[in-house]
N, C-alpha and C. Protein backbone atom coordinates (compact mmCIF):
# COMPACT_ATOMS: atom_id res chain seq x y z
N MET A 1 0.86 -1.17 0.01
CA MET A 1 0.00 0.04 0.05
C MET A 1 0.91 1.24 0.00
N GLN A 2 0.56 2.19 -0.86
CA GLN A 2 1.33 3.42 -0.84
C GLN A 2 0.96 4.25 0.30
N LEU A 3 1.88 5.18 0.64
CA LEU A 3 1.76 6.04 1.85
C LEU A 3 0.50 6.81 1.73
N THR A 4 0.19 7.43 0.55
CA THR A 4 -0.99 8.30 0.43
C THR A 4 -2.26 7.47 0.71
N GLU A 5 -2.29 6.22 0.21
CA GLU A 5 -3.48 5.37 0.50
C GLU A 5 -3.59 5.07 1.92
N ALA A 6 -2.50 4.86 2.63
CA ALA A 6 -2.59 4.59 4.06
C ALA A 6 -3.00 5.79 4.83
N VAL A 7 -2.54 6.95 4.40
CA VAL A 7 -2.95 8.20 5.08
C VAL A 7 -4.48 8.42 4.81
N GLU A 8 -4.93 8.27 3.58
CA GLU A 8 -6.33 8.48 3.31
C GLU A 8 -7.21 7.49 4.02
N ARG A 9 -6.81 6.26 4.18
CA ARG A 9 -7.62 5.26 4.90
C ARG A 9 -7.68 5.67 6.37
N ALA A 10 -6.53 6.13 6.91
CA ALA A 10 -6.51 6.51 8.34
C ALA A 10 -7.36 7.71 8.60
N LEU A 11 -7.30 8.69 7.69
CA LEU A 11 -8.10 9.94 7.79
C LEU A 11 -9.56 9.68 7.78
N VAL A 12 -10.01 8.82 6.84
CA VAL A 12 -11.37 8.52 6.73
C VAL A 12 -11.88 7.79 7.99
N ALA A 13 -11.11 6.81 8.46
CA ALA A 13 -11.48 6.03 9.68
C ALA A 13 -11.60 6.95 10.88
N ASP A 14 -10.53 7.89 10.94
CA ASP A 14 -10.59 8.83 12.06
C ASP A 14 -11.83 9.76 11.98
N LEU A 15 -12.15 10.28 10.85
CA LEU A 15 -13.25 11.17 10.67
C LEU A 15 -14.59 10.47 10.98
N LEU A 16 -14.67 9.23 10.55
CA LEU A 16 -15.90 8.49 10.86
C LEU A 16 -16.01 8.18 12.39
N ARG A 17 -14.90 7.90 13.03
CA ARG A 17 -14.87 7.58 14.44
C ARG A 17 -15.22 8.88 15.22
N ASP A 18 -14.65 10.00 14.80
CA ASP A 18 -14.82 11.24 15.53
C ASP A 18 -16.13 12.01 15.31
N SER A 19 -16.53 12.05 14.05
CA SER A 19 -17.79 12.80 13.71
C SER A 19 -19.00 11.93 13.31
N GLY A 20 -18.67 10.65 13.01
CA GLY A 20 -19.74 9.75 12.63
C GLY A 20 -20.14 9.82 11.21
N GLU A 21 -19.56 10.74 10.38
CA GLU A 21 -19.92 10.85 9.01
C GLU A 21 -18.71 11.37 8.17
N ALA A 22 -18.65 10.88 6.91
CA ALA A 22 -17.60 11.32 6.07
C ALA A 22 -18.12 11.33 4.64
N ARG A 23 -17.49 12.03 3.76
CA ARG A 23 -17.82 12.09 2.36
C ARG A 23 -16.55 11.73 1.57
N ILE A 24 -16.70 10.83 0.63
CA ILE A 24 -15.58 10.44 -0.21
C ILE A 24 -16.01 10.37 -1.63
N ASN A 25 -15.06 10.48 -2.56
CA ASN A 25 -15.37 10.33 -4.00
C ASN A 25 -15.06 8.97 -4.44
N VAL A 26 -15.91 8.45 -5.25
CA VAL A 26 -15.66 7.11 -5.95
C VAL A 26 -14.52 7.26 -6.93
N THR A 27 -13.53 6.38 -6.85
CA THR A 27 -12.45 6.42 -7.88
C THR A 27 -12.38 5.22 -8.69
N GLY A 28 -12.97 4.05 -8.28
CA GLY A 28 -12.92 2.90 -9.07
C GLY A 28 -14.18 2.56 -9.82
N GLU A 29 -14.17 1.52 -10.54
CA GLU A 29 -15.28 1.14 -11.43
C GLU A 29 -15.95 -0.18 -10.95
N SER A 30 -15.66 -0.65 -9.72
CA SER A 30 -16.22 -1.93 -9.32
C SER A 30 -17.66 -1.95 -9.00
N MET A 31 -18.30 -0.77 -8.85
CA MET A 31 -19.73 -0.68 -8.49
C MET A 31 -20.56 -0.18 -9.64
N ILE A 32 -20.04 -0.15 -10.86
CA ILE A 32 -20.92 0.29 -11.96
C ILE A 32 -21.95 -0.86 -12.19
N PRO A 33 -23.19 -0.53 -12.50
CA PRO A 33 -23.66 0.76 -12.96
C PRO A 33 -24.31 1.59 -11.85
N ALA A 34 -24.35 1.08 -10.55
CA ALA A 34 -24.94 1.82 -9.47
C ALA A 34 -24.14 3.04 -9.13
N LEU A 35 -22.86 2.99 -9.01
CA LEU A 35 -21.98 4.04 -8.69
C LEU A 35 -20.94 4.25 -9.79
N LEU A 36 -20.60 5.47 -10.10
CA LEU A 36 -19.67 5.80 -11.15
C LEU A 36 -18.51 6.53 -10.55
N PRO A 37 -17.29 6.44 -11.17
CA PRO A 37 -16.15 7.24 -10.75
C PRO A 37 -16.64 8.72 -10.71
N GLY A 38 -16.22 9.39 -9.66
CA GLY A 38 -16.63 10.78 -9.50
C GLY A 38 -17.84 11.02 -8.58
N ASP A 39 -18.68 9.94 -8.37
CA ASP A 39 -19.77 10.06 -7.48
C ASP A 39 -19.24 10.40 -6.06
N THR A 40 -20.03 11.11 -5.29
CA THR A 40 -19.69 11.46 -3.88
C THR A 40 -20.56 10.55 -2.96
N LEU A 41 -19.87 9.83 -2.08
CA LEU A 41 -20.62 8.96 -1.13
C LEU A 41 -20.65 9.62 0.28
N VAL A 42 -21.85 9.55 0.88
CA VAL A 42 -21.91 9.99 2.31
C VAL A 42 -21.93 8.71 3.14
N ILE A 43 -21.00 8.56 4.01
CA ILE A 43 -20.85 7.31 4.82
C ILE A 43 -21.07 7.72 6.30
N ARG A 44 -21.80 6.82 6.91
CA ARG A 44 -22.07 7.02 8.39
C ARG A 44 -21.49 5.84 9.14
N ARG A 45 -21.02 6.03 10.30
CA ARG A 45 -20.57 4.95 11.14
C ARG A 45 -21.80 4.46 11.81
N ASP A 46 -22.28 3.32 11.38
CA ASP A 46 -23.47 2.68 11.97
C ASP A 46 -23.05 1.37 12.59
N ALA A 47 -23.94 0.96 13.49
CA ALA A 47 -23.70 -0.35 14.08
C ALA A 47 -23.97 -1.47 13.05
N LEU A 48 -23.02 -2.40 13.01
CA LEU A 48 -23.05 -3.50 12.07
C LEU A 48 -24.23 -4.42 12.33
N SER A 49 -24.78 -4.34 13.48
CA SER A 49 -25.96 -5.20 13.78
C SER A 49 -27.14 -4.83 12.96
N HIS A 50 -27.18 -3.60 12.49
CA HIS A 50 -28.37 -3.19 11.66
C HIS A 50 -28.12 -3.33 10.16
N LEU A 51 -26.91 -3.86 9.78
CA LEU A 51 -26.59 -4.02 8.42
C LEU A 51 -27.45 -5.04 7.71
N GLN A 52 -27.95 -4.60 6.49
CA GLN A 52 -28.86 -5.48 5.73
C GLN A 52 -28.22 -5.82 4.41
N PRO A 53 -28.42 -7.03 3.87
CA PRO A 53 -27.93 -7.37 2.52
C PRO A 53 -28.40 -6.35 1.49
N GLY A 54 -27.47 -5.97 0.67
CA GLY A 54 -27.83 -4.92 -0.38
C GLY A 54 -27.28 -3.62 -0.04
N GLN A 55 -27.04 -3.30 1.24
CA GLN A 55 -26.46 -2.04 1.65
C GLN A 55 -25.02 -1.96 1.16
N ILE A 56 -24.52 -0.79 0.92
CA ILE A 56 -23.12 -0.60 0.50
C ILE A 56 -22.37 -0.18 1.79
N LEU A 57 -21.27 -0.87 2.00
CA LEU A 57 -20.40 -0.78 3.14
C LEU A 57 -19.06 -0.26 2.72
N LEU A 58 -18.52 0.73 3.49
CA LEU A 58 -17.18 1.18 3.19
C LEU A 58 -16.27 0.33 4.10
N CYS A 59 -15.29 -0.39 3.44
CA CYS A 59 -14.37 -1.30 4.17
C CYS A 59 -12.90 -0.91 3.88
N ALA A 60 -12.11 -1.06 4.85
CA ALA A 60 -10.66 -0.91 4.71
C ALA A 60 -10.11 -2.33 4.34
N LEU A 61 -10.14 -2.58 3.06
CA LEU A 61 -9.58 -3.92 2.58
C LEU A 61 -8.04 -3.71 2.45
N PRO A 62 -7.32 -4.80 2.34
CA PRO A 62 -5.85 -4.71 2.22
C PRO A 62 -5.45 -3.81 1.01
N GLY A 63 -4.83 -2.75 1.32
CA GLY A 63 -4.31 -1.84 0.24
C GLY A 63 -5.27 -0.85 -0.30
N MET A 64 -6.53 -0.84 0.13
CA MET A 64 -7.52 0.15 -0.41
C MET A 64 -8.75 0.26 0.48
N LEU A 65 -9.46 1.38 0.20
CA LEU A 65 -10.82 1.53 0.72
C LEU A 65 -11.74 1.01 -0.33
N ALA A 66 -12.78 0.34 0.00
CA ALA A 66 -13.72 -0.18 -1.00
C ALA A 66 -15.15 0.03 -0.41
N ALA A 67 -15.93 0.64 -1.33
CA ALA A 67 -17.42 0.75 -1.03
C ALA A 67 -18.07 -0.36 -1.84
N HIS A 68 -18.31 -1.45 -1.22
CA HIS A 68 -18.92 -2.61 -1.94
C HIS A 68 -20.16 -3.06 -1.19
N ARG A 69 -20.98 -3.76 -1.95
CA ARG A 69 -22.28 -4.23 -1.41
C ARG A 69 -22.17 -5.33 -0.43
N PHE A 70 -22.80 -5.22 0.69
CA PHE A 70 -22.87 -6.27 1.69
C PHE A 70 -23.78 -7.41 1.25
N LEU A 71 -23.19 -8.67 1.29
CA LEU A 71 -23.99 -9.77 0.80
C LEU A 71 -24.56 -10.62 1.99
N ARG A 72 -23.66 -10.96 2.85
CA ARG A 72 -24.12 -11.83 4.03
C ARG A 72 -22.98 -11.87 5.12
N ARG A 73 -23.31 -12.51 6.18
CA ARG A 73 -22.37 -12.74 7.31
C ARG A 73 -21.88 -14.19 7.23
N GLU A 74 -20.64 -14.32 7.57
CA GLU A 74 -20.06 -15.68 7.81
C GLU A 74 -19.48 -15.62 9.21
N GLY A 75 -20.27 -16.02 10.18
CA GLY A 75 -19.86 -15.85 11.53
C GLY A 75 -19.85 -14.33 11.89
N ALA A 76 -18.72 -13.92 12.46
CA ALA A 76 -18.58 -12.51 12.78
C ALA A 76 -18.12 -11.67 11.58
N ARG A 77 -17.62 -12.34 10.52
CA ARG A 77 -17.04 -11.66 9.37
C ARG A 77 -18.16 -11.36 8.31
N LEU A 78 -17.82 -10.44 7.46
CA LEU A 78 -18.80 -9.97 6.42
C LEU A 78 -18.35 -10.28 5.03
N VAL A 79 -19.30 -10.69 4.16
CA VAL A 79 -18.98 -10.93 2.76
C VAL A 79 -19.50 -9.73 1.95
N THR A 80 -18.58 -9.15 1.18
CA THR A 80 -18.93 -8.00 0.32
C THR A 80 -18.40 -8.29 -1.09
N ARG A 81 -19.00 -7.52 -2.04
CA ARG A 81 -18.52 -7.67 -3.42
C ARG A 81 -18.95 -6.42 -4.16
N GLY A 82 -18.07 -6.02 -5.07
CA GLY A 82 -18.41 -4.93 -6.01
C GLY A 82 -19.43 -5.47 -7.03
N ASP A 83 -20.38 -4.62 -7.41
CA ASP A 83 -21.43 -5.11 -8.29
C ASP A 83 -20.78 -5.64 -9.63
N ALA A 84 -19.75 -4.98 -10.14
CA ALA A 84 -19.23 -5.42 -11.40
C ALA A 84 -17.94 -6.31 -11.27
N VAL A 85 -17.84 -6.96 -10.13
CA VAL A 85 -16.67 -7.79 -9.87
C VAL A 85 -17.17 -9.30 -9.80
N ASN A 86 -16.35 -10.18 -10.36
CA ASN A 86 -16.75 -11.61 -10.41
C ASN A 86 -16.95 -12.22 -9.00
N GLY A 87 -15.98 -12.13 -8.23
CA GLY A 87 -16.06 -12.81 -6.97
C GLY A 87 -16.14 -11.88 -5.74
N PRO A 88 -16.43 -12.48 -4.62
CA PRO A 88 -16.50 -11.68 -3.37
C PRO A 88 -15.14 -11.17 -2.93
N ASP A 89 -15.12 -10.11 -2.14
CA ASP A 89 -13.86 -9.61 -1.57
C ASP A 89 -13.37 -10.58 -0.51
N PRO A 90 -12.14 -10.43 -0.04
CA PRO A 90 -11.68 -11.24 1.08
C PRO A 90 -12.66 -10.93 2.22
N LEU A 91 -12.87 -11.90 3.13
CA LEU A 91 -13.78 -11.71 4.28
C LEU A 91 -13.38 -10.47 5.05
N VAL A 92 -14.34 -9.71 5.39
CA VAL A 92 -14.20 -8.46 6.06
C VAL A 92 -14.31 -8.66 7.56
N GLU A 93 -13.30 -8.34 8.32
CA GLU A 93 -13.36 -8.38 9.76
C GLU A 93 -14.19 -7.19 10.23
N PRO A 94 -14.92 -7.30 11.38
CA PRO A 94 -15.69 -6.23 11.87
C PRO A 94 -14.95 -4.85 11.97
N ASP A 95 -13.67 -4.93 12.42
CA ASP A 95 -12.97 -3.66 12.54
C ASP A 95 -12.49 -3.06 11.23
N GLN A 96 -12.70 -3.78 10.07
CA GLN A 96 -12.39 -3.26 8.85
C GLN A 96 -13.62 -2.54 8.21
N ALA A 97 -14.77 -2.74 8.73
CA ALA A 97 -15.99 -2.11 8.32
C ALA A 97 -16.05 -0.72 8.84
N LEU A 98 -15.92 0.32 8.04
CA LEU A 98 -15.77 1.66 8.55
C LEU A 98 -17.14 2.34 8.61
N GLY A 99 -18.02 2.01 7.78
CA GLY A 99 -19.34 2.69 7.79
C GLY A 99 -20.25 2.28 6.65
N VAL A 100 -21.47 2.76 6.63
CA VAL A 100 -22.45 2.37 5.62
C VAL A 100 -22.72 3.58 4.78
N VAL A 101 -22.80 3.37 3.50
CA VAL A 101 -23.17 4.47 2.54
C VAL A 101 -24.65 4.76 2.72
N VAL A 102 -24.97 6.00 3.09
CA VAL A 102 -26.31 6.39 3.35
C VAL A 102 -26.86 7.19 2.18
N SER A 103 -25.96 7.75 1.35
CA SER A 103 -26.44 8.47 0.12
C SER A 103 -25.27 8.63 -0.78
N ALA A 104 -25.64 8.82 -2.06
CA ALA A 104 -24.70 9.07 -3.10
C ALA A 104 -25.14 10.24 -3.93
N LEU A 105 -24.11 11.00 -4.38
CA LEU A 105 -24.43 12.20 -5.21
C LEU A 105 -23.66 12.10 -6.55
N ARG A 106 -24.35 12.44 -7.61
CA ARG A 106 -23.70 12.50 -8.90
C ARG A 106 -23.98 13.91 -9.50
N CYS A 107 -22.91 14.65 -9.74
CA CYS A 107 -23.05 16.07 -10.19
C CYS A 107 -23.93 16.86 -9.27
N GLY A 108 -23.80 16.57 -7.92
CA GLY A 108 -24.54 17.27 -7.00
C GLY A 108 -26.02 16.87 -6.70
N ARG A 109 -26.43 15.85 -7.50
CA ARG A 109 -27.75 15.39 -7.37
C ARG A 109 -27.81 13.96 -6.75
N PRO A 110 -28.84 13.67 -6.01
CA PRO A 110 -28.93 12.35 -5.39
C PRO A 110 -29.00 11.19 -6.42
N VAL A 111 -28.41 10.08 -6.05
CA VAL A 111 -28.29 8.91 -6.94
C VAL A 111 -28.95 7.73 -6.16
N ASP A 112 -29.79 7.02 -6.74
CA ASP A 112 -30.32 5.80 -6.14
C ASP A 112 -29.36 4.61 -6.46
N ALA A 113 -28.62 4.15 -5.44
CA ALA A 113 -27.64 3.11 -5.69
C ALA A 113 -28.13 1.72 -5.34
N ARG A 114 -29.44 1.52 -5.25
CA ARG A 114 -30.01 0.20 -5.01
C ARG A 114 -29.76 -0.73 -6.23
N LEU A 115 -29.66 -1.95 -5.98
CA LEU A 115 -29.41 -2.89 -7.03
C LEU A 115 -30.73 -3.42 -7.59
N THR A 116 -31.21 -2.67 -8.55
CA THR A 116 -32.53 -3.02 -9.23
C THR A 116 -32.27 -4.18 -10.16
N PRO A 117 -33.37 -4.79 -10.65
CA PRO A 117 -33.17 -5.88 -11.62
C PRO A 117 -32.35 -5.45 -12.87
N ALA A 118 -32.61 -4.21 -13.41
CA ALA A 118 -31.87 -3.75 -14.61
C ALA A 118 -30.38 -3.57 -14.26
N ARG A 119 -30.14 -3.02 -13.07
CA ARG A 119 -28.70 -2.86 -12.69
C ARG A 119 -28.02 -4.20 -12.42
N ARG A 120 -28.84 -5.16 -11.87
CA ARG A 120 -28.26 -6.50 -11.68
C ARG A 120 -27.90 -7.15 -13.02
N ALA A 121 -28.72 -6.96 -14.01
CA ALA A 121 -28.42 -7.53 -15.36
C ALA A 121 -27.22 -6.79 -15.96
N ALA A 122 -27.14 -5.47 -15.78
CA ALA A 122 -26.01 -4.73 -16.37
C ALA A 122 -24.73 -5.12 -15.65
N ALA A 123 -24.74 -5.26 -14.31
CA ALA A 123 -23.58 -5.66 -13.56
C ALA A 123 -23.10 -7.05 -14.00
N TRP A 124 -24.06 -7.96 -14.25
CA TRP A 124 -23.68 -9.29 -14.73
C TRP A 124 -22.93 -9.21 -16.05
N LEU A 125 -23.38 -8.34 -17.01
CA LEU A 125 -22.71 -8.10 -18.28
C LEU A 125 -21.30 -7.53 -18.04
N PHE A 126 -21.22 -6.51 -17.18
CA PHE A 126 -19.91 -5.89 -16.89
C PHE A 126 -18.91 -6.82 -16.28
N ARG A 127 -19.39 -7.76 -15.48
CA ARG A 127 -18.46 -8.78 -14.86
C ARG A 127 -17.86 -9.61 -15.95
N ARG A 128 -18.56 -9.77 -17.08
CA ARG A 128 -18.13 -10.71 -18.12
C ARG A 128 -17.44 -9.97 -19.35
N SER A 129 -17.64 -8.66 -19.42
CA SER A 129 -17.10 -7.90 -20.57
C SER A 129 -16.59 -6.61 -20.16
N ASP A 130 -15.24 -6.50 -20.22
CA ASP A 130 -14.60 -5.19 -19.97
C ASP A 130 -14.97 -4.15 -21.03
N LEU A 131 -15.17 -4.67 -22.30
CA LEU A 131 -15.58 -3.79 -23.35
C LEU A 131 -16.94 -3.15 -23.09
N ALA A 132 -17.90 -3.94 -22.61
CA ALA A 132 -19.19 -3.39 -22.27
C ALA A 132 -19.12 -2.37 -21.14
N ALA A 133 -18.32 -2.63 -20.14
CA ALA A 133 -18.11 -1.74 -19.04
C ALA A 133 -17.49 -0.41 -19.55
N ARG A 134 -16.46 -0.44 -20.37
CA ARG A 134 -15.82 0.75 -20.93
C ARG A 134 -16.80 1.56 -21.75
N ILE A 135 -17.62 0.84 -22.59
CA ILE A 135 -18.60 1.61 -23.40
C ILE A 135 -19.58 2.26 -22.50
N PHE A 136 -20.11 1.59 -21.46
CA PHE A 136 -21.01 2.15 -20.56
C PHE A 136 -20.48 3.42 -19.87
N LEU A 137 -19.18 3.29 -19.34
CA LEU A 137 -18.62 4.43 -18.70
C LEU A 137 -18.42 5.63 -19.67
N ARG A 138 -17.99 5.33 -20.89
CA ARG A 138 -17.81 6.36 -21.81
C ARG A 138 -19.16 7.11 -22.15
N LEU A 139 -20.22 6.34 -22.30
CA LEU A 139 -21.52 6.86 -22.55
C LEU A 139 -22.01 7.70 -21.37
N SER A 140 -21.73 7.16 -20.13
CA SER A 140 -22.09 7.91 -18.95
C SER A 140 -21.46 9.28 -18.82
N CYS A 141 -20.12 9.27 -19.20
CA CYS A 141 -19.37 10.52 -19.14
C CYS A 141 -19.90 11.50 -20.19
N LEU A 142 -20.15 11.04 -21.38
CA LEU A 142 -20.70 11.90 -22.42
C LEU A 142 -22.01 12.51 -22.05
N SER A 143 -22.87 11.70 -21.40
CA SER A 143 -24.21 12.17 -21.05
C SER A 143 -24.15 13.18 -19.97
N GLN A 144 -23.10 13.15 -19.15
CA GLN A 144 -22.95 14.11 -18.07
C GLN A 144 -22.05 15.32 -18.47
N GLY A 145 -21.49 15.21 -19.68
CA GLY A 145 -20.63 16.24 -20.13
C GLY A 145 -19.27 16.32 -19.48
N THR A 146 -18.84 15.23 -18.91
CA THR A 146 -17.53 15.14 -18.30
C THR A 146 -16.57 14.35 -19.13
N PRO A 147 -15.40 14.85 -19.39
CA PRO A 147 -14.37 14.12 -20.20
C PRO A 147 -13.85 12.92 -19.46
N ARG A 148 -13.53 11.93 -20.16
CA ARG A 148 -12.95 10.68 -19.53
C ARG A 148 -11.67 10.34 -20.26
């Protein structure tokens, strides 16, 4: 893990612990089509006992912060996965779960990040085709007027 990533991870964890809420920008593509690079996520430090499958959880995974969908529990550990990723993440220990995404913003407007049937189908396609994912991202950027 690079130093800047370690510092970012520590700052977000401290902010959530101290104030209970943080905002971060999406940088990766693992959650398309629900979340896009550049979206802003509002994360709250919530009790994991209230976590429901389908919610998006911010986790401190080895080498990165990841906002991925919570799937289920395996004992005390959590199973998460990016919507556009083939397999689940490494099991998340409770202390690696930093908070729950309570809202997302795209270009300053609220985004519904729920996994609808249409998004589920698109995510299935993106897991199998990098070309389809790149085309989707390019079209999304063009429709928002942002260069990619």
